[in-house]
Each structure stands twice: as structure tokens, then as C-alpha cells.
Amino acid sequence: MKPIRFATTALAAAALTAPMAVSPAAAEGFGHGHWPPHHSNGKAERLRWAAPHDFRIGTAVAGGGHHEDQGYPPPFTSDRKYRKTLARQFNSVSAENQMKWEYIHPEQDEYNFEDADRIVAFAGRHGQAVRGHTLLWHSQNPDWLEEGDFTDDELRAILRDHITTVVGRYKGRIQQWDVANEIFDDDGELRTEENIWLRRLGPGIIADAFHWAHQADPYAELYLNDYNVEGVNAKSDAYYELSQDLLAEGAPLHGFSAQGHLSLDYPFPGSMEENLRRFDELGLGTAVTEVDIRMTLPDSGEPTEEQLDTQADYYRQALQACLDVDSCESFTIWGFNDKYSWVPVTFEGEGSATVMTEDYTRKPSFFALHEALKEEKKWPGWPGRGRGGR
């Protein structure tokens, strides 16, 4: 292997332990047309303060990906209000793109940790946990990897080095890692053609990736992660079977997570709680990791009141499904401001997928999450739930 260069910034030494939430002042729910003043942002109206003390309410940190093609500077480093809101509202953060292969390992002999280091340091300063995303995936890989002329042994060594280096760098500072991401298609078949690791090294590489990650950081919780697995279906069935196999083999699999990229054009996945619960019954942690609720916008480009109310209900149902499963202690939305959302860039004619408008006005979806968290904090474990006694 070639010698490795590291592009880095200094990491803050602060620990990632989140502060214990205190009971906020009582606040009534807000419906559409009854939002609080735009400047209102007291602790009682922050998601992280509404959440139970053992629950992570998180967001993706905007950067990389589609942001590079937009007419604004990098949000995380350039938008002060963005950073202020990020710190106030959330006790967990995920890197949207900054820890993916094409950004953190741009050349075979070069790692670039600058953006990832900033996120981890920010989280340390603000008492936030970090979710690492992602280590083994078929997408957003650098050209040197996808187009390189490597033997199978060389490719295996590259993956092991990447996992060992990246996970090891943040040892003790990242709570959960998405180790294997989107490895099944919607029919529940492994992506053996799209995924370079599965195509070249076979399905056994999945267990190897978990072992290498665990060796690099025995403290991190290691997850399988995918979209369209919110409910019970062929794809989530495949993950259920894989989880059983990995556990039987002694692989250090700690959890299963559903991303939660949903659309108002489709019904809410009503079996979401049932699906999460069956993984919980395997002894695994569960999480919801990338929630946004997109919609087809009217010609005006502005969502209707009905769309906003339905979106709020989808957000509430997704969070409640997580809250009602004992092992689901992490709920992450995929960005919180519509200006920086990936949805309008990816889905033509769709948008308004997050919980805040471009000027940071909070939507009914924000208050739906806030109320659900506040109720769980007020009545932990009721009905039929054990949170607070774990």
C-alpha cells in the first residue's frame, strides 16, 4: 500500500456526552396558522429539551453532495444561523455527505478529514452525539476505487484500511456507525452488480466490515441502514434474515435502522412499529436515521395547508413508531431547513420536505415532533413502554 497523507484540522477535546434534559415550561401544541413568533426559540420550544433524557433527536449536517452545485456557500461553515439552530435544536448529528468515501477518502493514498473533524468537534462543544455515515456502500465512491485495477486481495485490504482508519480516528466519539448501507434492492436481493464490495468479494464481506469496525472502535454501535425498510416488506425481510445470520455467526451487529425518506404521494408505512419491534426482539438496537417527508408542490411552489398538516402527521407517526419500541433511542431528520434539502435537486417538482422553511420558520411538522417528544418525556413508558426504566 502507498503511504497515506492526512488532511486534518484539530479536534476539540470535549466529550460527546449530551447534557441531561431538564423539564421545559409547558407549551401548547401549534397547528397551521398558529405558529409562535419567528424569534421564539426558548428552551421549552427546542426539540432536544423536549426529548426524554435517554433519547437522541438528531439531524444531518448539510455539506457536500448537491450543495456543491447550489448558489450558496457551504451551509455548515458559512451560515451562522444554521449552526446556531443546529446546536439549539438537536442533541445528535450525522454527516450528510462528509464521511462518505468520495469526500473522506478522495485518493487512494489520501484521507481528507477536515469536514468530518469540524462536525465531530462541533458536536463535542454542544453536547451532541454523532452518527457515522457510512462505511460500505455502492454509491458516492471515488473514481480511483470504482475504476481501479485491483485484485480481490487488494480491494479487501483497501476496505479494511478505510474502515480501520476512519472508525479508529473517531474512536469513542461516534455513537453509531452505518456500517453497511443500502445493500439490498427493493426485492430483497443483494446489490451484487451495483456494489463493488459485494460484486468482487461476495456477501461474506458484510460480516468482515462489522468485525473491522468493532476492532477499530469497540465502543461504537454498528448498524445496518437502508431506505424503503420502514414497514414489513421484502426488503426489510431480507435485513431481518441477514441480521439473524450475522448474529448466529457472532458478528458484532448492534442495530438496524430505517432511513425514513417518505413522500406524501404514498401512504405512511403503517407497519413501521411492527417492523422495528421484530429487530428489537432479536436483541438489536433500532433507529430512524434520515427522515424527510417530501411532497409534490402546487404550481405556486408553496405547500398547501392540507399538505403541511398531512406532512406533520407523517413526521409524528414516524417518531411515535420509534418511541414505542424500547430499543429505538435515536431519531434523525435528514436536514431541518428547506433551503438546504436534497429533495428539490433530486425529485423534480417536489420539495418542502423538512421541518423549517428557508427562513427558519418552523412548520407544523416541527411542532408535531416537539409535542410527541414532550408527551413521551412527561409519561415515559406509557402506554406499554419501558423508556425511563432502562
Protein backbone atom coordinates (compact mmCIF):
# COMPACT_ATOMS: atom_id res chain seq x y z
CA MET A 1 0.00 0.00 0.00
CA LYS A 2 1.14 3.58 -0.69
CA PRO A 3 1.95 5.91 2.21
CA ILE A 4 -1.11 7.84 3.33
CA ARG A 5 -1.41 11.62 3.58
CA PHE A 6 -3.89 13.11 6.04
CA ALA A 7 -5.60 16.47 5.58
CA THR A 8 -6.89 17.36 9.03
CA THR A 9 -7.94 20.03 11.46
CA ALA A 10 -7.56 19.87 15.21
CA LEU A 11 -10.37 18.10 17.03
CA ALA A 12 -11.97 19.56 20.09
CA ALA A 13 -11.22 17.56 23.22
CA ALA A 14 -14.73 17.92 24.62
CA ALA A 15 -16.59 14.69 25.32
CA LEU A 16 -19.78 13.88 23.42
CA THR A 17 -21.93 13.15 26.42
CA ALA A 18 -25.20 15.04 25.99
CA PRO A 19 -26.44 17.12 28.93
CA MET A 20 -29.36 15.79 30.93
CA ALA A 21 -32.57 17.38 29.72
CA VAL A 22 -34.48 19.47 32.22
CA SER A 23 -38.24 19.78 32.30
CA PRO A 24 -39.21 22.65 29.98
CA ALA A 25 -42.04 25.01 30.71
CA ALA A 26 -45.35 23.74 29.46
CA ALA A 27 -46.16 24.73 25.90
CA GLU A 28 -49.33 24.16 23.95
CA GLY A 29 -49.30 22.48 20.54
CA PHE A 30 -49.36 24.63 17.43
CA GLY A 31 -51.33 23.90 14.30
CA HIS A 32 -51.02 25.52 10.89
CA GLY A 33 -51.71 29.25 11.16
CA HIS A 34 -50.92 29.23 14.88
CA TRP A 35 -47.14 29.18 14.86
CA PRO A 36 -45.24 31.07 17.59
CA PRO A 37 -43.38 34.29 16.80
CA HIS A 38 -40.46 33.75 14.43
CA HIS A 39 -37.96 34.84 17.10
CA SER A 40 -39.35 32.45 19.71
CA ASN A 41 -36.69 29.87 20.48
CA GLY A 42 -36.64 29.34 24.23
CA LYS A 43 -35.59 26.03 25.71
CA ALA A 44 -39.24 25.00 26.03
CA GLU A 45 -39.51 25.15 22.24
CA ARG A 46 -36.38 23.20 21.38
CA LEU A 47 -36.54 19.59 20.30
CA ARG A 48 -33.54 18.48 22.35
CA TRP A 49 -35.06 19.88 25.54
CA ALA A 50 -38.43 18.29 24.84
CA ALA A 51 -36.87 14.85 24.38
CA PRO A 52 -36.54 12.24 27.15
CA HIS A 53 -33.08 12.22 28.70
CA ASP A 54 -32.10 8.91 27.04
CA PHE A 55 -33.36 9.80 23.55
CA ARG A 56 -31.37 11.25 20.66
CA ILE A 57 -33.16 13.67 18.36
CA GLY A 58 -30.80 14.47 15.51
CA THR A 59 -30.27 15.96 12.08
CA ALA A 60 -27.92 15.59 9.15
CA VAL A 61 -25.29 18.33 8.90
CA ALA A 62 -25.52 19.91 5.44
CA GLY A 63 -22.45 19.64 3.26
CA GLY A 64 -21.01 18.03 0.15
CA GLY A 65 -23.28 16.35 -2.39
CA HIS A 66 -25.86 18.58 -4.07
CA HIS A 67 -24.77 21.60 -2.01
CA GLU A 68 -21.68 21.99 -4.19
CA ASP A 69 -23.89 22.82 -7.22
CA GLN A 70 -26.09 25.38 -5.46
CA GLY A 71 -25.81 29.16 -5.38
CA TYR A 72 -24.82 29.42 -1.75
CA PRO A 73 -21.58 28.83 0.20
CA PRO A 74 -21.19 25.68 2.33
CA PRO A 75 -24.00 25.86 4.92
CA PHE A 76 -22.17 24.44 7.93
CA THR A 77 -19.17 26.72 7.66
CA SER A 78 -20.84 29.85 6.26
CA ASP A 79 -24.35 30.14 7.73
CA ARG A 80 -24.16 31.30 11.33
CA LYS A 81 -27.91 30.98 11.89
CA TYR A 82 -27.76 27.43 10.57
CA ARG A 83 -25.09 26.48 13.11
CA LYS A 84 -26.94 28.23 15.92
CA THR A 85 -30.15 26.35 15.14
CA LEU A 86 -28.26 23.09 14.75
CA ALA A 87 -26.79 23.47 18.24
CA ARG A 88 -30.02 24.62 19.89
CA GLN A 89 -32.44 22.09 18.48
CA PHE A 90 -30.58 18.76 18.30
CA ASN A 91 -28.59 16.50 20.61
CA SER A 92 -27.32 14.29 17.77
CA VAL A 93 -25.81 14.96 14.35
CA SER A 94 -24.97 12.92 11.25
CA ALA A 95 -22.69 13.89 8.39
CA GLU A 96 -24.89 14.24 5.30
CA ASN A 97 -22.03 13.55 2.87
CA GLN A 98 -18.81 14.48 4.64
CA MET A 99 -17.96 10.96 5.87
CA LYS A 100 -18.78 9.18 2.61
CA TRP A 101 -15.92 7.68 0.63
CA GLU A 102 -15.70 10.34 -2.11
CA TYR A 103 -15.15 13.08 0.49
CA ILE A 104 -13.17 11.44 3.26
CA HIS A 105 -11.01 9.19 1.01
CA PRO A 106 -10.73 11.14 -2.28
CA GLU A 107 -7.50 9.48 -3.45
CA GLN A 108 -6.07 6.04 -2.74
CA ASP A 109 -3.20 7.49 -0.74
CA GLU A 110 -5.10 10.44 0.76
CA TYR A 111 -7.66 10.87 3.52
CA ASN A 112 -9.35 14.25 3.97
CA PHE A 113 -10.81 14.53 7.47
CA GLU A 114 -11.26 18.31 7.54
CA ASP A 115 -15.05 18.47 7.14
CA ALA A 116 -15.70 15.41 9.31
CA ASP A 117 -13.40 16.76 12.03
CA ARG A 118 -15.37 20.01 12.09
CA ILE A 119 -18.62 18.14 12.64
CA VAL A 120 -17.23 15.96 15.42
CA ALA A 121 -15.63 18.97 17.11
CA PHE A 122 -18.88 20.97 16.86
CA ALA A 123 -20.79 18.07 18.41
CA GLY A 124 -18.28 17.88 21.23
CA ARG A 125 -18.73 21.56 22.02
CA HIS A 126 -22.51 21.33 22.03
CA GLY A 127 -23.11 18.07 23.88
CA GLN A 128 -24.25 16.18 20.81
CA ALA A 129 -23.79 12.55 19.87
CA VAL A 130 -22.55 11.71 16.37
CA ARG A 131 -23.77 9.09 13.90
CA GLY A 132 -21.15 7.99 11.36
CA HIS A 133 -22.38 7.55 7.78
CA THR A 134 -21.24 5.34 6.00
CA LEU A 135 -18.53 2.65 5.53
CA LEU A 136 -19.70 0.10 2.92
CA TRP A 137 -21.96 1.42 0.15
CA HIS A 138 -22.44 1.16 -3.59
CA SER A 139 -22.80 4.90 -4.18
CA GLN A 140 -20.63 8.03 -3.87
CA ASN A 141 -17.41 6.08 -4.17
CA PRO A 142 -14.39 7.85 -5.72
CA ASP A 143 -13.35 7.09 -9.29
CA TRP A 144 -9.99 5.71 -8.18
CA LEU A 145 -11.85 2.96 -6.33
CA GLU A 146 -14.58 2.13 -8.85
CA GLU A 147 -12.28 2.28 -11.87
CA GLY A 148 -9.08 0.95 -10.29
CA ASP A 149 -7.42 -2.25 -11.49
CA PHE A 150 -7.25 -4.03 -8.13
CA THR A 151 -7.04 -7.70 -7.33
CA ASP A 152 -9.60 -9.07 -4.88
CA ASP A 153 -6.96 -9.19 -2.14
CA GLU A 154 -6.00 -5.58 -2.80
CA LEU A 155 -9.64 -4.48 -2.76
CA ARG A 156 -10.23 -6.27 0.53
CA ALA A 157 -7.16 -4.58 2.01
CA ILE A 158 -8.40 -1.18 0.82
CA LEU A 159 -11.75 -1.64 2.57
CA ARG A 160 -10.14 -2.88 5.75
CA ASP A 161 -7.70 0.03 5.78
CA HIS A 162 -10.52 2.52 5.19
CA ILE A 163 -12.70 1.17 7.99
CA THR A 164 -9.79 0.85 10.41
CA THR A 165 -8.53 4.35 9.65
CA VAL A 166 -11.85 6.22 9.64
CA VAL A 167 -13.53 4.44 12.55
CA GLY A 168 -10.30 4.39 14.53
CA ARG A 169 -9.82 8.14 14.10
CA TYR A 170 -13.10 8.84 15.92
CA LYS A 171 -12.84 6.07 18.48
CA GLY A 172 -15.06 6.85 21.46
CA ARG A 173 -16.52 9.91 19.77
CA ILE A 174 -19.08 8.41 17.38
CA GLN A 175 -22.06 6.71 18.97
CA GLN A 176 -23.37 4.76 15.98
CA TRP A 177 -21.93 3.82 12.58
CA ASP A 178 -23.91 2.85 9.50
CA VAL A 179 -21.50 0.07 8.57
CA ALA A 180 -23.40 -1.48 5.66
CA ASN A 181 -25.69 0.91 3.79
CA GLU A 182 -28.34 0.04 1.19
CA ILE A 183 -27.01 -3.42 0.38
CA PHE A 184 -30.39 -4.85 -0.75
CA ASP A 185 -32.67 -3.80 -3.59
CA ASP A 186 -36.42 -3.41 -3.13
CA ASP A 187 -36.98 -7.09 -3.94
CA GLY A 188 -34.73 -8.12 -1.08
CA GLU A 189 -31.84 -9.20 -3.32
CA LEU A 190 -28.25 -8.20 -2.58
CA ARG A 191 -26.93 -5.46 -4.87
CA THR A 192 -24.26 -7.75 -6.29
CA GLU A 193 -23.93 -5.76 -9.54
CA GLU A 194 -24.02 -2.18 -8.20
CA ASN A 195 -21.97 -2.73 -5.06
CA ILE A 196 -18.26 -3.16 -5.81
CA TRP A 197 -17.65 -4.89 -2.46
CA LEU A 198 -20.40 -7.46 -2.91
CA ARG A 199 -19.66 -7.98 -6.59
CA ARG A 200 -15.96 -8.62 -6.12
CA LEU A 201 -15.69 -10.00 -2.59
CA GLY A 202 -19.02 -11.74 -2.02
CA PRO A 203 -21.58 -11.40 0.79
CA GLY A 204 -19.09 -12.53 3.44
CA ILE A 205 -17.53 -9.06 3.26
CA ILE A 206 -20.51 -7.69 5.21
CA ALA A 207 -19.56 -9.59 8.37
CA ASP A 208 -15.90 -8.69 7.82
CA ALA A 209 -16.79 -4.98 7.72
CA PHE A 210 -18.57 -5.25 11.07
CA HIS A 211 -15.63 -7.09 12.63
CA TRP A 212 -13.14 -4.47 11.37
CA ALA A 213 -15.29 -1.60 12.60
CA HIS A 214 -15.65 -3.21 16.02
CA GLN A 215 -11.92 -3.77 16.27
CA ALA A 216 -11.31 -0.12 15.42
CA ASP A 217 -13.82 1.15 18.00
CA PRO A 218 -15.29 -1.37 20.47
CA TYR A 219 -17.46 1.40 21.93
CA ALA A 220 -19.40 2.28 18.77
CA GLU A 221 -22.79 0.74 17.97
CA LEU A 222 -22.71 -0.81 14.49
CA TYR A 223 -25.79 -0.70 12.26
CA LEU A 224 -27.35 -1.92 9.04
CA ASN A 225 -29.10 1.03 7.32
CA ASP A 226 -31.45 1.39 4.33
CA TYR A 227 -34.44 3.17 2.78
CA ASN A 228 -37.84 1.58 1.98
CA VAL A 229 -37.46 -0.67 5.02
CA GLU A 230 -39.74 1.30 7.32
CA GLY A 231 -42.52 -1.29 7.12
CA VAL A 232 -42.59 -5.06 6.83
CA ASN A 233 -41.82 -5.91 3.19
CA ALA A 234 -39.46 -7.99 1.05
CA LYS A 235 -36.56 -5.64 1.66
CA SER A 236 -36.91 -5.44 5.44
CA ASP A 237 -37.47 -9.22 5.50
CA ALA A 238 -34.07 -9.61 3.83
CA TYR A 239 -32.48 -7.48 6.53
CA TYR A 240 -34.24 -9.49 9.22
CA GLU A 241 -32.83 -12.73 7.82
CA LEU A 242 -29.37 -11.21 7.38
CA SER A 243 -29.43 -9.94 10.96
CA GLN A 244 -30.23 -13.41 12.24
CA ASP A 245 -27.39 -14.88 10.17
CA LEU A 246 -24.86 -12.28 11.30
CA LEU A 247 -25.80 -12.73 14.94
CA ALA A 248 -25.57 -16.52 14.61
CA GLU A 249 -22.08 -16.12 13.14
CA GLY A 250 -21.00 -13.93 16.06
CA ALA A 251 -20.64 -10.75 14.00
CA PRO A 252 -20.71 -7.55 16.12
CA LEU A 253 -24.01 -6.31 14.70
CA HIS A 254 -25.67 -3.98 17.19
CA GLY A 255 -28.60 -2.45 15.34
CA PHE A 256 -30.91 -1.97 12.38
CA SER A 257 -32.06 1.42 11.14
CA ALA A 258 -34.72 2.61 8.71
CA GLN A 259 -33.90 5.83 6.91
CA GLY A 260 -37.41 7.26 6.62
CA HIS A 261 -37.28 9.10 3.28
CA LEU A 262 -41.05 9.28 2.78
CA SER A 263 -43.44 11.02 0.39
CA LEU A 264 -47.00 12.29 0.67
CA ASP A 265 -47.60 10.64 -2.70
CA TYR A 266 -47.58 7.28 -0.88
CA PRO A 267 -49.36 6.08 2.27
CA PHE A 268 -47.47 6.13 5.53
CA PRO A 269 -45.90 2.68 6.20
CA GLY A 270 -48.35 1.52 8.85
CA SER A 271 -46.26 -1.48 9.93
CA MET A 272 -43.28 0.65 10.95
CA GLU A 273 -43.56 -0.06 14.66
CA GLU A 274 -44.10 -3.77 14.00
CA ASN A 275 -41.02 -3.87 11.81
CA LEU A 276 -38.76 -2.08 14.30
CA ARG A 277 -40.09 -4.24 17.10
CA ARG A 278 -39.09 -7.52 15.44
CA PHE A 279 -35.48 -6.33 15.25
CA ASP A 280 -35.74 -5.22 18.87
CA GLU A 281 -36.83 -8.76 19.74
CA LEU A 282 -33.61 -10.05 18.16
CA GLY A 283 -31.78 -8.04 20.80
CA LEU A 284 -30.74 -5.31 18.36
CA GLY A 285 -30.87 -1.58 18.77
CA THR A 286 -33.11 0.24 16.32
CA ALA A 287 -33.04 3.76 14.94
CA VAL A 288 -34.70 6.01 12.37
CA THR A 289 -31.91 7.83 10.63
CA GLU A 290 -32.75 10.02 7.61
CA VAL A 291 -36.32 11.27 7.90
CA ASP A 292 -37.78 13.76 5.47
CA ILE A 293 -41.30 13.91 4.07
CA ARG A 294 -41.36 15.29 0.54
CA MET A 295 -44.43 16.38 -1.41
CA THR A 296 -45.38 17.32 -4.96
CA LEU A 297 -45.75 21.08 -4.81
CA PRO A 298 -48.55 23.11 -6.43
CA ASP A 299 -47.71 25.42 -9.35
CA SER A 300 -47.18 28.19 -6.84
CA GLY A 301 -44.25 26.29 -5.36
CA GLU A 302 -45.75 26.65 -1.89
CA PRO A 303 -47.29 23.73 0.03
CA THR A 304 -50.97 23.88 0.87
CA GLU A 305 -52.27 23.89 4.43
CA GLU A 306 -53.55 20.34 3.90
CA GLN A 307 -50.13 19.17 2.70
CA LEU A 308 -48.40 20.71 5.72
CA ASP A 309 -50.86 19.10 8.12
CA THR A 310 -50.51 15.69 6.46
CA GLN A 311 -46.73 16.04 6.49
CA ALA A 312 -46.85 16.84 10.21
CA ASP A 313 -48.87 13.67 10.78
CA TYR A 314 -46.31 11.58 8.87
CA TYR A 315 -43.48 13.02 10.97
CA ARG A 316 -45.44 12.35 14.13
CA GLN A 317 -46.23 8.76 13.15
CA ALA A 318 -42.59 8.04 12.28
CA LEU A 319 -41.35 9.41 15.59
CA GLN A 320 -44.08 7.65 17.56
CA ALA A 321 -43.23 4.31 15.95
CA CYS A 322 -39.68 4.79 17.22
CA LEU A 323 -40.74 5.95 20.68
CA ASP A 324 -43.00 2.92 21.07
CA VAL A 325 -40.14 0.46 20.59
CA ASP A 326 -37.84 0.10 23.60
CA SER A 327 -34.59 -0.16 21.64
CA CYS A 328 -35.29 2.82 19.34
CA GLU A 329 -33.39 5.62 21.04
CA SER A 330 -32.25 7.66 18.03
CA PHE A 331 -34.41 9.60 15.55
CA THR A 332 -32.66 11.71 12.92
CA ILE A 333 -34.18 14.02 10.34
CA TRP A 334 -32.29 14.49 7.06
CA GLY A 335 -31.79 18.23 7.38
CA PHE A 336 -34.07 20.77 9.01
CA ASN A 337 -34.18 23.70 6.57
CA ASP A 338 -35.80 23.53 3.12
CA LYS A 339 -33.10 25.71 1.56
CA TYR A 340 -30.50 23.01 2.09
CA SER A 341 -32.63 19.93 1.42
CA TRP A 342 -31.53 17.41 -1.21
CA VAL A 343 -35.14 16.77 -2.25
CA PRO A 344 -35.79 19.56 -4.82
CA VAL A 345 -32.49 18.77 -6.54
CA THR A 346 -33.24 15.04 -6.72
CA PHE A 347 -37.02 14.90 -7.22
CA GLU A 348 -38.29 17.32 -9.85
CA GLY A 349 -41.37 19.25 -8.73
CA GLU A 350 -41.10 18.05 -5.13
CA GLY A 351 -39.87 19.78 -2.01
CA SER A 352 -40.78 21.32 1.35
CA ALA A 353 -39.54 18.09 2.93
CA THR A 354 -38.03 19.37 6.17
CA VAL A 355 -39.44 20.89 9.38
CA MET A 356 -38.44 24.51 8.70
CA THR A 357 -38.82 26.90 5.78
CA GLU A 358 -35.84 28.61 4.16
CA ASP A 359 -36.09 31.50 6.66
CA TYR A 360 -36.15 29.05 9.62
CA THR A 361 -39.87 29.41 10.29
CA ARG A 362 -40.98 26.22 11.97
CA LYS A 363 -43.68 24.21 10.23
CA PRO A 364 -46.46 22.10 11.78
CA SER A 365 -44.05 19.17 11.36
CA PHE A 366 -41.64 20.73 13.82
CA PHE A 367 -44.34 21.12 16.44
CA ALA A 368 -45.64 17.61 15.79
CA LEU A 369 -42.19 16.27 16.70
CA HIS A 370 -41.92 18.61 19.67
CA GLU A 371 -45.28 17.57 21.11
CA ALA A 372 -44.59 13.85 20.67
CA LEU A 373 -41.24 14.18 22.42
CA LYS A 374 -42.73 16.26 25.21
CA GLU A 375 -45.51 13.74 25.81
CA GLU A 376 -43.01 10.87 25.92
CA LYS A 377 -40.91 12.80 28.42
CA LYS A 378 -43.97 13.54 30.54
CA TRP A 379 -45.28 9.96 30.50
CA PRO A 380 -42.27 7.69 29.86
CA GLY A 381 -43.22 4.13 29.19
CA TRP A 382 -46.94 4.80 28.81
CA PRO A 383 -48.72 3.06 27.24
CA GLY A 384 -46.84 -0.21 27.07
CA ARG A 385 -43.35 1.21 27.01
CA GLY A 386 -40.27 0.87 29.18
CA ARG A 387 -38.39 4.10 28.45
CA GLY A 388 -37.13 5.76 31.59
CA GLY A 389 -36.59 2.47 33.37
CA ARG A 390 -33.87 1.12 31.11
